[in-house]
Protein backbone atom coordinates (compact mmCIF):
# COMPACT_ATOMS: atom_id res chain seq x y z
CA MET A 1 114.75 148.86 83.75
CA VAL A 2 118.17 148.21 85.27
CA LYS A 3 118.66 149.40 88.83
CA GLY A 4 121.97 150.05 90.51
CA PRO A 5 123.95 152.24 92.91
CA TRP A 6 123.87 155.28 90.64
CA PRO A 7 121.59 158.29 90.27
CA LYS A 8 118.44 158.01 88.16
CA PRO A 9 118.97 159.85 84.87
CA GLU A 10 117.01 163.07 84.66
CA TRP A 11 116.15 164.45 81.25
CA GLN A 12 117.43 167.91 80.42
CA HIS A 13 117.42 169.72 77.11
CA PRO A 14 120.37 168.36 75.10
CA SER A 15 122.06 171.78 75.09
CA GLU A 16 122.26 171.56 78.88
CA LEU A 17 123.50 167.99 78.76
CA ALA A 18 126.21 168.80 76.22
CA MET A 19 127.48 172.20 77.32
CA MET A 20 129.56 172.19 80.47
CA LYS A 21 131.14 175.58 79.64
CA GLN A 22 129.66 178.81 78.33
CA ALA A 23 131.04 180.59 75.26
CA ASN A 24 133.12 182.85 77.55
CA GLY A 25 134.85 179.80 79.08
CA GLN A 26 133.05 180.07 82.41
CA PRO A 27 131.32 176.98 83.79
CA HIS A 28 127.78 176.55 82.52
CA PRO A 29 125.20 176.87 85.34
CA VAL A 30 124.34 173.20 84.78
CA ALA A 31 127.97 172.24 85.49
CA ALA A 32 127.54 173.15 89.16
CA ASN A 33 125.51 169.97 89.61
CA TYR A 34 127.81 167.83 87.47
CA THR A 35 128.90 164.45 88.77
CA GLY A 36 130.64 161.71 86.82
CA LEU A 37 127.96 159.14 87.62
CA GLY A 38 125.20 161.64 86.85
CA ALA A 39 126.79 162.35 83.48
CA TYR A 40 127.13 158.61 82.89
CA THR A 41 123.46 157.86 83.56
CA LYS A 42 122.31 160.80 81.44
CA SER A 43 124.56 159.73 78.58
CA LYS A 44 123.11 156.20 78.81
CA LEU A 45 119.59 157.66 78.66
CA CYS A 46 120.54 159.69 75.59
CA ASN A 47 122.12 156.65 73.92
CA VAL A 48 118.95 154.63 74.46
CA MET A 49 116.71 157.45 73.20
CA PHE A 50 118.93 158.02 70.17
CA THR A 51 118.83 154.28 69.40
CA TYR A 52 115.03 154.13 69.53
CA TYR A 53 114.68 157.20 67.32
CA LEU A 54 117.21 155.93 64.78
CA ALA A 55 115.50 152.52 64.66
CA ASP A 56 112.13 154.22 64.02
CA GLN A 57 113.58 156.46 61.30
CA LEU A 58 115.23 153.55 59.50
CA GLN A 59 112.09 151.40 59.72
CA GLN A 60 110.00 154.23 58.25
CA GLN A 61 112.42 154.29 55.31
CA GLY A 62 112.03 150.53 54.83
CA SER A 63 115.55 149.76 55.98
CA ARG A 64 116.45 146.37 57.40
CA ILE A 65 119.38 147.74 59.40
CA THR A 66 119.38 146.51 63.00
CA VAL A 67 119.78 149.15 65.70
CA VAL A 68 119.99 148.06 69.35
CA THR A 69 121.40 149.39 72.59
CA SER A 70 122.66 147.45 75.56
CA ASN A 71 123.77 147.26 79.14
CA PRO A 72 126.65 144.79 79.49
CA GLY A 73 126.26 144.73 83.29
CA TYR A 74 128.96 145.59 85.78
CA VAL A 75 132.22 145.47 83.86
CA ARG A 76 135.29 145.13 86.06
CA GLY A 77 138.25 147.31 85.18
CA THR A 78 136.44 150.24 83.53
CA ALA A 79 137.22 152.83 86.25
CA ILE A 80 133.62 154.12 86.18
CA MET A 81 134.09 155.57 89.66
CA ARG A 82 137.28 157.49 88.80
CA SER A 83 135.59 160.91 89.16
CA ALA A 84 133.87 160.10 92.47
CA ALA A 85 135.16 161.46 95.75
CA GLY A 86 137.86 159.28 97.34
CA TRP A 87 135.59 157.92 100.06
CA LYS A 88 132.96 156.95 97.46
CA ARG A 89 135.57 155.15 95.34
CA ARG A 90 136.81 153.21 98.36
CA LEU A 91 133.27 152.42 99.47
CA MET A 92 132.26 151.22 96.01
CA SER A 93 135.41 149.11 95.67
CA PHE A 94 134.23 147.29 98.78
CA VAL A 95 130.44 147.34 98.19
CA VAL A 96 130.23 146.42 94.50
CA PRO A 97 131.93 143.01 94.82
CA TRP A 98 129.51 142.16 97.65
CA MET A 99 126.55 143.38 95.59
CA VAL A 100 127.71 141.23 92.69
CA TRP A 101 127.92 138.19 94.92
CA PHE A 102 124.96 138.81 97.26
CA LYS A 103 122.43 140.40 94.88
CA GLY A 104 123.36 138.29 91.87
CA ILE A 105 124.34 141.33 89.81
CA HIS A 106 126.11 140.09 86.73
CA SER A 107 129.79 140.96 86.59
CA GLN A 108 132.15 140.40 83.68
CA THR A 109 135.54 141.39 82.37
CA VAL A 110 136.11 143.96 79.65
CA GLU A 111 136.85 141.10 77.25
CA GLN A 112 133.59 139.30 78.09
CA ALA A 113 131.65 142.54 77.62
CA GLY A 114 133.34 142.98 74.23
CA VAL A 115 132.24 139.51 73.13
CA PHE A 116 128.68 140.39 74.15
CA GLN A 117 128.77 143.61 72.12
CA ALA A 118 130.24 141.81 69.10
CA ARG A 119 127.46 139.21 69.30
CA LEU A 120 124.84 141.96 69.10
CA ALA A 121 126.55 143.25 65.97
CA VAL A 122 127.02 140.02 64.02
CA ASP A 123 124.78 137.23 65.35
CA ARG A 124 122.46 136.15 62.51
CA ALA A 125 119.90 135.00 65.08
CA LEU A 126 119.33 138.66 65.93
CA GLU A 127 118.60 139.79 62.37
CA GLY A 128 115.42 141.83 62.21
CA VAL A 129 115.53 142.66 65.91
CA THR A 130 115.71 146.44 66.11
CA GLY A 131 114.89 149.30 68.47
CA VAL A 132 115.35 147.24 71.63
CA TYR A 133 117.37 147.45 74.82
CA TYR A 134 119.46 144.47 75.86
CA ASN A 135 120.32 143.91 79.49
CA LEU A 136 123.06 141.34 79.20
CA VAL A 137 121.61 138.71 76.85
CA LYS A 138 117.89 139.49 77.00
CA THR A 139 115.72 142.40 75.99
CA ILE A 140 114.06 144.44 78.73
CA LYS A 141 112.10 147.67 79.00
CA SER A 142 114.20 150.77 79.53
CA SER A 143 113.17 153.82 81.57
CA VAL A 144 109.88 155.60 80.92
CA ASP A 145 111.73 158.75 79.71
CA SER A 146 113.54 156.74 77.04
CA TYR A 147 110.26 156.04 75.19
CA ASP A 148 109.19 159.69 75.02
CA LYS A 149 109.02 160.37 71.26
CA SER A 150 109.13 164.16 71.64
CA LYS A 151 112.29 163.96 73.78
CA GLN A 152 113.83 161.51 71.31
CA ARG A 153 113.11 163.93 68.45
CA GLU A 154 114.45 166.86 70.50
CA LEU A 155 117.71 164.97 71.11
CA TRP A 156 117.94 163.95 67.43
CA GLU A 157 117.34 167.49 66.15
CA TYR A 158 119.84 168.98 68.56
CA SER A 159 122.39 166.35 67.49
CA GLU A 160 121.78 167.31 63.85
CA GLN A 161 122.37 170.98 64.71
CA MET A 162 125.67 170.12 66.40
CA ILE A 163 126.75 168.00 63.42
CA GLU A 164 125.89 170.80 61.00
CA GLN A 165 127.92 173.26 63.09
CA LEU A 166 130.87 170.93 62.57
CA GLY A 167 130.31 171.11 58.82
CA ALA A 168 128.76 167.68 58.31
CA LYS A 169 125.26 166.71 57.19
CA SER A 170 122.94 164.06 58.60
CA THR A 171 121.73 161.56 56.02
CA VAL A 172 118.93 159.85 57.94
């Protein structure tokens, strides 16, 4: 599991993760605890869970489609801290470069991260590798929550409900 200077993602029912406003336009009670980094880590958790569930579903159908998820590392120039308080942004702009240098945290440009993502999509050497989490160029274990099959299914089913509300139909 990748560790960093951000909050640990905490699983919530997908309706709480997705809805920041109530039907009447008022902030959802969950929104009171909203932070940009918190939302980021929860969205990463959901992406990993969704990936694992999709990979399982496709394998059960006999598909050879590859489904992976990844962490490209610290990518300079993404403005991930843009919603943090001013002092946190300033602190992180000073601390992160030192962490990269001192702790050996991998840092790359947006372009380098794009090359990494493209490799995952088209590299023939990765054919048949599915349902895994890449940290940079190697597979690692993701968080314990991400392997919870019931939570994966809950996220999938909620996603299907949201898609159907938009008038589309899931085909997997």
